[in-house]
């Protein structure tokens, strides 16, 4: 049985850190790849300030098989909360079992943070993720995001 449970304490931190390392190893960021210190900071901030976002763990038969980082923000364009799936990872041995698809069905049913729209980011090399997102109704935007560090 598959369950999606918010992280509510630090007990799963070792498993979560391992999955975060695996994500950035498999699909490197074009920015500075976060390391252990940033991973721990993300976990700590989201546990201490749940209004800033949420970590959801994917459980299959009591075993953690993946996670997602959900970050909400108000969107003037959509006139409501946009839920950004900042990270999504399913362990290699648990892939091809529909976990990603079921996770997005969970988001649609539960609407965390009262979100009215969901956004994902996918690297150009990650064809599997792009195919999944397209099959679920995600569409590419014509605008490209640009970033500039403030610190």
Foldseek 3Di string as FASTA:
>chain_A
DKDKAWDQDCPCVVVQLVQLVVQCVVPPDPPPRDHPVVSVVVVVCCNVPVLQWIKIFMDDPNDTFWIWIWGWDADPVVRGIEIEGADTTGHPVPPPPCSVVVVVVVCVVPVPVVHPHYHYDDDPPCPVVVVVCVVVPDDDDPDDDDDDDPD
